[in-house]
Amino acid sequence: MVQKKRILLIEDEEDIATIIKLQADIEGYRLYVEVDGINGLRAIEREQPDLVILDVMLPGMSGFDLCRKMKNNIHLKSIPVIILSAKSEEIDQVLGLELGADDYVAKPFSPKVLFSRVKAILRRGKDIEKIQKNLLFGDFVLEVDRYLLRKNDQMIPITLSEFGILRRLLANRGKILTRNQLLDDVNNDDSFIVDRNIDVHIASLRKKLGKGIKWIETVRGVGYRFLERDPNGQIV
């Protein structure tokens, strides 16, 4: 029997919580509800849910503060978060994503649309789990489960944004990926990435990988591709 995915909803408006719970039941998820930020954080620590749906305006602790605490906690940072809020201004959405949220849904919303986002995020997490734990190229090792990049025995500092981009490129070695495809797989708490500054993160990665082999190719007008073979034709 397949175990139902567990979702924690932190929402103090009872009617909204009821609607979301009904849709969760229809979609086959097990949903728990907390009504304030402090108890919500305790429930996340205790239950370790598969995903959190988080309102912004909460008693006790705001959703933004709760999200920040989650993403600064090594045991909780990998739990995906969808922020749910009546604040639909772009700056609020940017703030939520900067704090590490995976998505932002503005009220009023369609429960079906909300759970389409839930499915997409959980599916993405499942796809990532299929990627091997160590991705090798040349003298480098990207340790997926530890968020580390090594060259031989030397650790190379890497941001979560750079890690997400590099992992996606390595998992699709030899394939051209658009900037939007790279954006889809970046889950970070160090900066908010938009299409126009993916190039900045690529430039930083290239610098950290060194001047030897140019591992990441620019495909003009399309995106980027990670080298499948080195300049001598050897598989890397």
C-alpha atoms as a PDB file:
ATOM      1  CA  MET A   1       0.000   0.000   0.000  1.00  0.00           C
ATOM      2  CA  VAL A   2       1.403   3.408  -1.009  1.00  0.00           C
ATOM      3  CA  GLN A   3       1.759   5.738   1.940  1.00  0.00           C
ATOM      4  CA  LYS A   4      -0.035   9.054   1.552  1.00  0.00           C
ATOM      5  CA  LYS A   5       2.110  12.167   1.362  1.00  0.00           C
ATOM      6  CA  ARG A   6       1.773  14.270   4.512  1.00  0.00           C
ATOM      7  CA  ILE A   7       1.086  17.991   4.189  1.00  0.00           C
ATOM      8  CA  LEU A   8       1.086  20.480   7.036  1.00  0.00           C
ATOM      9  CA  LEU A   9      -1.168  23.498   6.490  1.00  0.00           C
ATOM     10  CA  ILE A  10      -0.566  26.515   8.739  1.00  0.00           C
ATOM     11  CA  GLU A  11      -3.615  28.735   8.264  1.00  0.00           C
ATOM     12  CA  ASP A  12      -5.706  30.624  10.835  1.00  0.00           C
ATOM     13  CA  GLU A  13      -8.763  31.195   8.604  1.00  0.00           C
ATOM     14  CA  GLU A  14     -11.026  28.223   9.284  1.00  0.00           C
ATOM     15  CA  ASP A  15     -13.044  28.425   6.057  1.00  0.00           C
ATOM     16  CA  ILE A  16      -9.902  28.444   3.907  1.00  0.00           C
ATOM     17  CA  ALA A  17      -8.392  25.575   5.903  1.00  0.00           C
ATOM     18  CA  THR A  18     -11.595  23.558   5.420  1.00  0.00           C
ATOM     19  CA  ILE A  19     -11.567  24.076   1.635  1.00  0.00           C
ATOM     20  CA  ILE A  20      -7.913  23.076   1.388  1.00  0.00           C
ATOM     21  CA  LYS A  21      -8.464  19.987   3.544  1.00  0.00           C
ATOM     22  CA  LEU A  22     -11.372  18.858   1.369  1.00  0.00           C
ATOM     23  CA  GLN A  23      -9.249  19.179  -1.770  1.00  0.00           C
ATOM     24  CA  ALA A  24      -6.367  17.353  -0.060  1.00  0.00           C
ATOM     25  CA  ASP A  25      -8.710  14.452   0.696  1.00  0.00           C
ATOM     26  CA  ILE A  26      -9.857  14.375  -2.935  1.00  0.00           C
ATOM     27  CA  GLU A  27      -6.255  14.390  -4.175  1.00  0.00           C
ATOM     28  CA  GLY A  28      -5.216  11.615  -1.784  1.00  0.00           C
ATOM     29  CA  TYR A  29      -3.009  13.548   0.642  1.00  0.00           C
ATOM     30  CA  ARG A  30      -2.999  13.421   4.432  1.00  0.00           C
ATOM     31  CA  LEU A  31      -3.313  17.003   5.668  1.00  0.00           C
ATOM     32  CA  TYR A  32      -2.776  18.378   9.163  1.00  0.00           C
ATOM     33  CA  VAL A  33      -3.682  21.918  10.242  1.00  0.00           C
ATOM     34  CA  GLU A  34      -2.078  24.362  12.669  1.00  0.00           C
ATOM     35  CA  VAL A  35      -3.471  27.849  13.209  1.00  0.00           C
ATOM     36  CA  ASP A  36      -0.477  29.886  14.417  1.00  0.00           C
ATOM     37  CA  GLY A  37       3.180  30.257  13.561  1.00  0.00           C
ATOM     38  CA  ILE A  38       4.724  29.075  16.823  1.00  0.00           C
ATOM     39  CA  ASN A  39       2.778  25.810  17.008  1.00  0.00           C
ATOM     40  CA  GLY A  40       3.209  25.458  13.265  1.00  0.00           C
ATOM     41  CA  LEU A  41       6.991  25.458  13.616  1.00  0.00           C
ATOM     42  CA  ARG A  42       6.789  22.937  16.444  1.00  0.00           C
ATOM     43  CA  ALA A  43       4.593  20.692  14.295  1.00  0.00           C
ATOM     44  CA  ILE A  44       7.091  20.896  11.417  1.00  0.00           C
ATOM     45  CA  GLU A  45       9.921  19.881  13.764  1.00  0.00           C
ATOM     46  CA  ARG A  46       7.838  17.059  15.229  1.00  0.00           C
ATOM     47  CA  GLU A  47       6.115  15.667  12.130  1.00  0.00           C
ATOM     48  CA  GLN A  48       8.707  16.357   9.380  1.00  0.00           C
ATOM     49  CA  PRO A  49       5.944  16.616   6.727  1.00  0.00           C
ATOM     50  CA  ASP A  50       6.528  16.094   3.016  1.00  0.00           C
ATOM     51  CA  LEU A  51       5.387  19.651   2.264  1.00  0.00           C
ATOM     52  CA  VAL A  52       4.226  22.777   4.124  1.00  0.00           C
ATOM     53  CA  ILE A  53       1.513  25.179   2.955  1.00  0.00           C
ATOM     54  CA  LEU A  54       2.078  28.370   4.878  1.00  0.00           C
ATOM     55  CA  ASP A  55      -0.047  31.490   5.299  1.00  0.00           C
ATOM     56  CA  VAL A  56       1.825  34.777   5.739  1.00  0.00           C
ATOM     57  CA  MET A  57      -0.430  36.583   8.213  1.00  0.00           C
ATOM     58  CA  LEU A  58      -0.347  34.289  11.233  1.00  0.00           C
ATOM     59  CA  PRO A  59      -0.670  34.888  14.969  1.00  0.00           C
ATOM     60  CA  GLY A  60       2.471  34.351  17.048  1.00  0.00           C
ATOM     61  CA  MET A  61       4.952  34.291  14.169  1.00  0.00           C
ATOM     62  CA  SER A  62       4.546  35.464  10.582  1.00  0.00           C
ATOM     63  CA  GLY A  63       4.781  33.024   7.723  1.00  0.00           C
ATOM     64  CA  PHE A  64       7.875  34.818   6.419  1.00  0.00           C
ATOM     65  CA  ASP A  65       9.640  34.438   9.793  1.00  0.00           C
ATOM     66  CA  LEU A  66       8.608  30.790  10.000  1.00  0.00           C
ATOM     67  CA  CYS A  67       9.915  30.113   6.501  1.00  0.00           C
ATOM     68  CA  ARG A  68      13.213  31.816   7.390  1.00  0.00           C
ATOM     69  CA  LYS A  69      13.593  29.645  10.495  1.00  0.00           C
ATOM     70  CA  MET A  70      12.868  26.486   8.483  1.00  0.00           C
ATOM     71  CA  LYS A  71      15.415  27.286   5.804  1.00  0.00           C
ATOM     72  CA  ASN A  72      18.086  28.099   8.395  1.00  0.00           C
ATOM     73  CA  ASN A  73      17.553  24.736  10.104  1.00  0.00           C
ATOM     74  CA  ILE A  74      19.626  21.914   8.623  1.00  0.00           C
ATOM     75  CA  HIS A  75      16.935  19.362   9.552  1.00  0.00           C
ATOM     76  CA  LEU A  76      14.045  21.311   8.001  1.00  0.00           C
ATOM     77  CA  LYS A  77      15.516  23.211   5.048  1.00  0.00           C
ATOM     78  CA  SER A  78      14.809  20.457   2.516  1.00  0.00           C
ATOM     79  CA  ILE A  79      11.056  20.426   3.266  1.00  0.00           C
ATOM     80  CA  PRO A  80       9.306  22.253   0.387  1.00  0.00           C
ATOM     81  CA  VAL A  81       7.149  25.272   1.212  1.00  0.00           C
ATOM     82  CA  ILE A  82       4.244  26.902  -0.603  1.00  0.00           C
ATOM     83  CA  ILE A  83       3.391  30.358   0.711  1.00  0.00           C
ATOM     84  CA  LEU A  84      -0.308  31.229   0.664  1.00  0.00           C
ATOM     85  CA  SER A  85      -1.173  34.877   1.126  1.00  0.00           C
ATOM     86  CA  ALA A  86      -3.595  37.692   0.420  1.00  0.00           C
ATOM     87  CA  LYS A  87      -0.514  39.796  -0.333  1.00  0.00           C
ATOM     88  CA  SER A  88      -0.253  39.585  -4.095  1.00  0.00           C
ATOM     89  CA  GLU A  89       2.267  42.410  -4.638  1.00  0.00           C
ATOM     90  CA  GLU A  90       5.407  41.351  -6.477  1.00  0.00           C
ATOM     91  CA  ILE A  91       7.704  42.452  -3.639  1.00  0.00           C
ATOM     92  CA  ASP A  92       5.956  40.068  -1.226  1.00  0.00           C
ATOM     93  CA  GLN A  93       6.270  37.200  -3.687  1.00  0.00           C
ATOM     94  CA  VAL A  94       9.956  37.981  -4.185  1.00  0.00           C
ATOM     95  CA  LEU A  95      10.514  38.075  -0.414  1.00  0.00           C
ATOM     96  CA  GLY A  96       8.870  34.672   0.035  1.00  0.00           C
ATOM     97  CA  LEU A  97      10.973  33.122  -2.702  1.00  0.00           C
ATOM     98  CA  GLU A  98      14.145  34.785  -1.380  1.00  0.00           C
ATOM     99  CA  LEU A  99      13.491  33.112   1.957  1.00  0.00           C
ATOM    100  CA  GLY A 100      13.500  29.718   0.247  1.00  0.00           C
ATOM    101  CA  ALA A 101       9.824  29.060  -0.497  1.00  0.00           C
ATOM    102  CA  ASP A 102       9.222  26.832  -3.537  1.00  0.00           C
ATOM    103  CA  ASP A 103       6.091  28.621  -4.706  1.00  0.00           C
ATOM    104  CA  TYR A 104       3.744  31.487  -3.844  1.00  0.00           C
ATOM    105  CA  VAL A 105      -0.031  31.341  -4.311  1.00  0.00           C
ATOM    106  CA  ALA A 106      -2.083  34.510  -3.894  1.00  0.00           C
ATOM    107  CA  LYS A 107      -5.578  34.554  -2.356  1.00  0.00           C
ATOM    108  CA  PRO A 108      -8.223  34.128  -3.625  1.00  0.00           C
ATOM    109  CA  PHE A 109      -7.140  30.895  -5.270  1.00  0.00           C
ATOM    110  CA  SER A 110      -8.497  27.734  -6.814  1.00  0.00           C
ATOM    111  CA  PRO A 111      -7.929  24.643  -4.614  1.00  0.00           C
ATOM    112  CA  LYS A 112      -7.316  22.617  -7.787  1.00  0.00           C
ATOM    113  CA  VAL A 113      -4.625  25.057  -8.921  1.00  0.00           C
ATOM    114  CA  LEU A 114      -3.037  24.982  -5.454  1.00  0.00           C
ATOM    115  CA  PHE A 115      -2.789  21.199  -5.539  1.00  0.00           C
ATOM    116  CA  SER A 116      -1.444  21.209  -9.071  1.00  0.00           C
ATOM    117  CA  ARG A 117       1.451  23.216  -7.579  1.00  0.00           C
ATOM    118  CA  VAL A 118       1.718  20.705  -4.721  1.00  0.00           C
ATOM    119  CA  LYS A 119       1.927  17.804  -7.176  1.00  0.00           C
ATOM    120  CA  ALA A 120       4.576  19.544  -9.274  1.00  0.00           C
ATOM    121  CA  ILE A 121       6.796  20.269  -6.269  1.00  0.00           C
ATOM    122  CA  LEU A 122       6.496  16.765  -4.816  1.00  0.00           C
ATOM    123  CA  ARG A 123       7.144  15.242  -8.235  1.00  0.00           C
ATOM    124  CA  ARG A 124      10.241  17.384  -8.639  1.00  0.00           C
ATOM    125  CA  GLY A 125      11.509  16.191  -5.259  1.00  0.00           C
ATOM    126  CA  LYS A 126      10.932  12.576  -6.309  1.00  0.00           C
ATOM    127  CA  ASP A 127      12.883  13.139  -9.525  1.00  0.00           C
ATOM    128  CA  ILE A 128      15.792  14.593  -7.565  1.00  0.00           C
ATOM    129  CA  GLU A 129      15.869  11.507  -5.335  1.00  0.00           C
ATOM    130  CA  LYS A 130      16.469   9.380  -8.436  1.00  0.00           C
ATOM    131  CA  ILE A 131      19.679  11.259  -9.203  1.00  0.00           C
ATOM    132  CA  GLN A 132      22.737   9.382  -7.997  1.00  0.00           C
ATOM    133  CA  LYS A 133      24.265  10.704  -4.790  1.00  0.00           C
ATOM    134  CA  ASN A 134      27.667  11.495  -6.325  1.00  0.00           C
ATOM    135  CA  LEU A 135      27.894  13.174  -9.728  1.00  0.00           C
ATOM    136  CA  LEU A 136      31.401  12.900 -11.173  1.00  0.00           C
ATOM    137  CA  PHE A 137      33.136  14.970 -13.835  1.00  0.00           C
ATOM    138  CA  GLY A 138      36.888  15.150 -14.325  1.00  0.00           C
ATOM    139  CA  ASP A 139      38.540  15.652 -10.932  1.00  0.00           C
ATOM    140  CA  PHE A 140      35.274  16.953  -9.455  1.00  0.00           C
ATOM    141  CA  VAL A 141      32.577  15.300  -7.345  1.00  0.00           C
ATOM    142  CA  LEU A 142      29.209  16.906  -6.609  1.00  0.00           C
ATOM    143  CA  GLU A 143      27.847  15.233  -3.458  1.00  0.00           C
ATOM    144  CA  VAL A 144      24.101  15.620  -3.950  1.00  0.00           C
ATOM    145  CA  ASP A 145      22.956  14.554  -0.486  1.00  0.00           C
ATOM    146  CA  ARG A 146      25.531  16.753   1.275  1.00  0.00           C
ATOM    147  CA  TYR A 147      25.302  19.819  -0.990  1.00  0.00           C
ATOM    148  CA  LEU A 148      29.089  19.760  -1.471  1.00  0.00           C
ATOM    149  CA  LEU A 149      31.459  20.237  -4.390  1.00  0.00           C
ATOM    150  CA  ARG A 150      34.949  18.716  -4.213  1.00  0.00           C
ATOM    151  CA  LYS A 151      37.948  18.761  -6.510  1.00  0.00           C
ATOM    152  CA  ASN A 152      40.006  15.750  -5.463  1.00  0.00           C
ATOM    153  CA  ASP A 153      40.133  16.288  -1.661  1.00  0.00           C
ATOM    154  CA  GLN A 154      39.644  20.046  -1.766  1.00  0.00           C
ATOM    155  CA  MET A 155      36.248  21.500  -0.839  1.00  0.00           C
ATOM    156  CA  ILE A 156      35.007  24.241  -3.172  1.00  0.00           C
ATOM    157  CA  PRO A 157      32.564  26.758  -1.625  1.00  0.00           C
ATOM    158  CA  ILE A 158      29.291  26.760  -3.536  1.00  0.00           C
ATOM    159  CA  THR A 159      25.994  28.543  -2.910  1.00  0.00           C
ATOM    160  CA  LEU A 160      22.685  26.691  -2.945  1.00  0.00           C
ATOM    161  CA  SER A 161      21.769  28.525  -6.140  1.00  0.00           C
ATOM    162  CA  GLU A 162      24.957  27.351  -7.856  1.00  0.00           C
ATOM    163  CA  PHE A 163      24.468  23.848  -6.479  1.00  0.00           C
ATOM    164  CA  GLY A 164      20.951  23.636  -7.947  1.00  0.00           C
ATOM    165  CA  ILE A 165      22.088  24.837 -11.360  1.00  0.00           C
ATOM    166  CA  LEU A 166      25.127  22.530 -11.445  1.00  0.00           C
ATOM    167  CA  ARG A 167      23.098  19.503 -10.359  1.00  0.00           C
ATOM    168  CA  ARG A 168      20.522  20.113 -13.082  1.00  0.00           C
ATOM    169  CA  LEU A 169      23.207  20.523 -15.746  1.00  0.00           C
ATOM    170  CA  LEU A 170      25.046  17.370 -14.636  1.00  0.00           C
ATOM    171  CA  ALA A 171      21.847  15.315 -14.520  1.00  0.00           C
ATOM    172  CA  ASN A 172      21.208  16.340 -18.144  1.00  0.00           C
ATOM    173  CA  ARG A 173      24.788  16.175 -19.384  1.00  0.00           C
ATOM    174  CA  GLY A 174      25.057  16.864 -23.109  1.00  0.00           C
ATOM    175  CA  LYS A 175      21.537  18.332 -23.331  1.00  0.00           C
ATOM    176  CA  ILE A 176      20.760  21.994 -23.884  1.00  0.00           C
ATOM    177  CA  LEU A 177      18.797  23.504 -20.983  1.00  0.00           C
ATOM    178  CA  THR A 178      17.016  26.831 -21.243  1.00  0.00           C
ATOM    179  CA  ARG A 179      17.272  29.413 -18.489  1.00  0.00           C
ATOM    180  CA  ASN A 180      13.689  28.648 -17.484  1.00  0.00           C
ATOM    181  CA  GLN A 181      14.498  24.944 -17.115  1.00  0.00           C
ATOM    182  CA  LEU A 182      17.404  25.833 -14.845  1.00  0.00           C
ATOM    183  CA  LEU A 183      15.123  28.092 -12.816  1.00  0.00           C
ATOM    184  CA  ASP A 184      12.655  25.225 -12.317  1.00  0.00           C
ATOM    185  CA  ASP A 185      15.180  23.130 -10.407  1.00  0.00           C
ATOM    186  CA  VAL A 186      16.740  25.795  -8.203  1.00  0.00           C
ATOM    187  CA  ASN A 187      15.621  25.623  -4.605  1.00  0.00           C
ATOM    188  CA  ASN A 188      17.662  28.015  -2.544  1.00  0.00           C
ATOM    189  CA  ASP A 189      17.789  30.257   0.489  1.00  0.00           C
ATOM    190  CA  ASP A 190      20.725  32.480  -0.435  1.00  0.00           C
ATOM    191  CA  SER A 191      19.205  34.582  -3.230  1.00  0.00           C
ATOM    192  CA  PHE A 192      16.172  34.954  -5.469  1.00  0.00           C
ATOM    193  CA  ILE A 193      17.044  33.878  -9.013  1.00  0.00           C
ATOM    194  CA  VAL A 194      15.352  35.340 -12.051  1.00  0.00           C
ATOM    195  CA  ASP A 195      16.000  34.742 -15.734  1.00  0.00           C
ATOM    196  CA  ARG A 196      18.297  37.746 -16.180  1.00  0.00           C
ATOM    197  CA  ASN A 197      20.781  36.709 -13.475  1.00  0.00           C
ATOM    198  CA  ILE A 198      21.108  32.987 -14.196  1.00  0.00           C
ATOM    199  CA  ASP A 199      24.041  34.170 -16.310  1.00  0.00           C
ATOM    200  CA  VAL A 200      25.721  35.631 -13.218  1.00  0.00           C
ATOM    201  CA  HIS A 201      25.501  32.282 -11.395  1.00  0.00           C
ATOM    202  CA  ILE A 202      26.848  30.453 -14.450  1.00  0.00           C
ATOM    203  CA  ALA A 203      29.800  32.877 -14.564  1.00  0.00           C
ATOM    204  CA  SER A 204      30.489  32.221 -10.871  1.00  0.00           C
ATOM    205  CA  LEU A 205      30.346  28.452 -11.406  1.00  0.00           C
ATOM    206  CA  ARG A 206      32.763  28.656 -14.316  1.00  0.00           C
ATOM    207  CA  LYS A 207      35.215  30.612 -12.180  1.00  0.00           C
ATOM    208  CA  LYS A 208      35.018  28.023  -9.384  1.00  0.00           C
ATOM    209  CA  LEU A 209      35.496  25.121 -11.795  1.00  0.00           C
ATOM    210  CA  GLY A 210      38.688  26.758 -13.072  1.00  0.00           C
ATOM    211  CA  LYS A 211      40.229  27.738 -16.383  1.00  0.00           C
ATOM    212  CA  GLY A 212      41.173  24.231 -17.548  1.00  0.00           C
ATOM    213  CA  ILE A 213      38.169  22.658 -19.219  1.00  0.00           C
ATOM    214  CA  LYS A 214      35.223  24.895 -20.032  1.00  0.00           C
ATOM    215  CA  TRP A 215      32.627  22.477 -18.641  1.00  0.00           C
ATOM    216  CA  ILE A 216      29.569  24.672 -19.221  1.00  0.00           C
ATOM    217  CA  GLU A 217      28.856  25.719 -22.788  1.00  0.00           C
ATOM    218  CA  THR A 218      26.720  28.692 -23.771  1.00  0.00           C
ATOM    219  CA  VAL A 219      24.232  27.924 -26.540  1.00  0.00           C
ATOM    220  CA  ARG A 220      23.528  31.395 -27.853  1.00  0.00           C
ATOM    221  CA  GLY A 221      19.891  32.403 -27.756  1.00  0.00           C
ATOM    222  CA  VAL A 222      18.847  29.166 -26.018  1.00  0.00           C
ATOM    223  CA  GLY A 223      20.625  28.424 -22.749  1.00  0.00           C
ATOM    224  CA  TYR A 224      23.437  26.198 -21.473  1.00  0.00           C
ATOM    225  CA  ARG A 225      24.813  22.688 -21.854  1.00  0.00           C
ATOM    226  CA  PHE A 226      27.219  20.721 -19.662  1.00  0.00           C
ATOM    227  CA  LEU A 227      30.088  19.135 -21.562  1.00  0.00           C
ATOM    228  CA  GLU A 228      29.499  15.448 -22.339  1.00  0.00           C
ATOM    229  CA  ARG A 229      33.058  14.942 -23.622  1.00  0.00           C
ATOM    230  CA  ASP A 230      36.264  16.862 -22.959  1.00  0.00           C
ATOM    231  CA  PRO A 231      38.096  18.673 -25.774  1.00  0.00           C
ATOM    232  CA  ASN A 232      40.001  15.431 -26.556  1.00  0.00           C
ATOM    233  CA  GLY A 233      36.737  13.560 -27.109  1.00  0.00           C
ATOM    234  CA  GLN A 234      36.887  11.637 -23.846  1.00  0.00           C
ATOM    235  CA  ILE A 235      33.637  11.050 -21.916  1.00  0.00           C
ATOM    236  CA  VAL A 236      33.642  13.153 -18.769  1.00  0.00           C
END
